[in-house]
Amino acid sequence: MDRARASGAIRADVTASDLYALINAVAWAGEQTSAAQGERLLAFALDGLRPPSSSRG
């Protein structure tokens, strides 16, 4: 996580506990929905809810 933070790949305020909770939440949601919906939720978790930067003006 230190390298990811240093490179700007993740937010500076993300903790290991945050990451663990997010992984658990996405895994649980993936079990409750279709595989396609699980993949979609994972993408939202990794990318955030903002549109891709090319879509922002």
C-alpha atoms as a PDB file:
ATOM      1  CA  MET A   1       0.000   0.000   0.000  1.00  0.00           C
ATOM      2  CA  ASP A   2       2.874   2.376   0.673  1.00  0.00           C
ATOM      3  CA  ARG A   3       4.089   2.034  -2.918  1.00  0.00           C
ATOM      4  CA  ALA A   4       0.570   2.480  -4.279  1.00  0.00           C
ATOM      5  CA  ARG A   5       0.118   5.619  -2.174  1.00  0.00           C
ATOM      6  CA  ALA A   6       3.505   6.990  -3.209  1.00  0.00           C
ATOM      7  CA  SER A   7       2.756   6.441  -6.896  1.00  0.00           C
ATOM      8  CA  GLY A   8      -0.677   8.048  -6.603  1.00  0.00           C
ATOM      9  CA  ALA A   9      -2.458   4.802  -7.492  1.00  0.00           C
ATOM     10  CA  ILE A  10      -4.584   4.995  -4.339  1.00  0.00           C
ATOM     11  CA  ARG A  11      -5.722   7.778  -2.072  1.00  0.00           C
ATOM     12  CA  ALA A  12      -3.326   8.812   0.654  1.00  0.00           C
ATOM     13  CA  ASP A  13      -5.924   8.225   3.370  1.00  0.00           C
ATOM     14  CA  VAL A  14      -6.753   4.577   2.509  1.00  0.00           C
ATOM     15  CA  THR A  15      -5.832   2.135   5.270  1.00  0.00           C
ATOM     16  CA  ALA A  16      -5.396  -1.626   5.191  1.00  0.00           C
ATOM     17  CA  SER A  17      -8.575  -1.865   7.260  1.00  0.00           C
ATOM     18  CA  ASP A  18     -10.465   0.159   4.643  1.00  0.00           C
ATOM     19  CA  LEU A  19      -9.222  -2.093   1.880  1.00  0.00           C
ATOM     20  CA  TYR A  20     -10.141  -5.257   3.782  1.00  0.00           C
ATOM     21  CA  ALA A  21     -13.661  -3.948   4.475  1.00  0.00           C
ATOM     22  CA  LEU A  22     -14.121  -2.969   0.832  1.00  0.00           C
ATOM     23  CA  ILE A  23     -12.965  -6.379  -0.403  1.00  0.00           C
ATOM     24  CA  ASN A  24     -15.374  -8.097   1.988  1.00  0.00           C
ATOM     25  CA  ALA A  25     -18.269  -5.860   0.947  1.00  0.00           C
ATOM     26  CA  VAL A  26     -17.690  -6.444  -2.764  1.00  0.00           C
ATOM     27  CA  ALA A  27     -17.322 -10.197  -2.207  1.00  0.00           C
ATOM     28  CA  TRP A  28     -20.582 -10.308  -0.246  1.00  0.00           C
ATOM     29  CA  ALA A  29     -22.422  -8.237  -2.861  1.00  0.00           C
ATOM     30  CA  GLY A  30     -21.050 -10.475  -5.600  1.00  0.00           C
ATOM     31  CA  GLU A  31     -22.556 -13.495  -3.845  1.00  0.00           C
ATOM     32  CA  GLN A  32     -25.955 -11.788  -3.649  1.00  0.00           C
ATOM     33  CA  THR A  33     -26.187 -10.792  -7.335  1.00  0.00           C
ATOM     34  CA  SER A  34     -25.374 -12.152 -10.772  1.00  0.00           C
ATOM     35  CA  ALA A  35     -21.772 -12.533 -11.883  1.00  0.00           C
ATOM     36  CA  ALA A  36     -22.208  -9.582 -14.250  1.00  0.00           C
ATOM     37  CA  GLN A  37     -23.567  -7.360 -11.477  1.00  0.00           C
ATOM     38  CA  GLY A  38     -20.735  -8.475  -9.189  1.00  0.00           C
ATOM     39  CA  GLU A  39     -18.196  -7.449 -11.821  1.00  0.00           C
ATOM     40  CA  ARG A  40     -19.967  -4.116 -12.259  1.00  0.00           C
ATOM     41  CA  LEU A  41     -19.900  -3.443  -8.521  1.00  0.00           C
ATOM     42  CA  LEU A  42     -16.209  -4.330  -8.368  1.00  0.00           C
ATOM     43  CA  ALA A  43     -15.514  -1.874 -11.201  1.00  0.00           C
ATOM     44  CA  PHE A  44     -17.369   0.844  -9.287  1.00  0.00           C
ATOM     45  CA  ALA A  45     -15.362   0.043  -6.162  1.00  0.00           C
ATOM     46  CA  LEU A  46     -12.077   0.281  -8.055  1.00  0.00           C
ATOM     47  CA  ASP A  47     -12.935   3.241 -10.288  1.00  0.00           C
ATOM     48  CA  GLY A  48     -15.270   5.198  -8.056  1.00  0.00           C
ATOM     49  CA  LEU A  49     -18.579   6.627  -9.179  1.00  0.00           C
ATOM     50  CA  ARG A  50     -17.100   9.518 -11.125  1.00  0.00           C
ATOM     51  CA  PRO A  51     -17.209   9.317 -14.913  1.00  0.00           C
ATOM     52  CA  PRO A  52     -13.892   8.584 -16.667  1.00  0.00           C
ATOM     53  CA  SER A  53     -11.711  11.695 -16.845  1.00  0.00           C
ATOM     54  CA  SER A  54     -12.266  11.939 -20.614  1.00  0.00           C
ATOM     55  CA  SER A  55     -16.006  12.443 -19.904  1.00  0.00           C
ATOM     56  CA  ARG A  56     -15.424  15.277 -17.469  1.00  0.00           C
ATOM     57  CA  GLY A  57     -15.215  18.717 -18.957  1.00  0.00           C
END
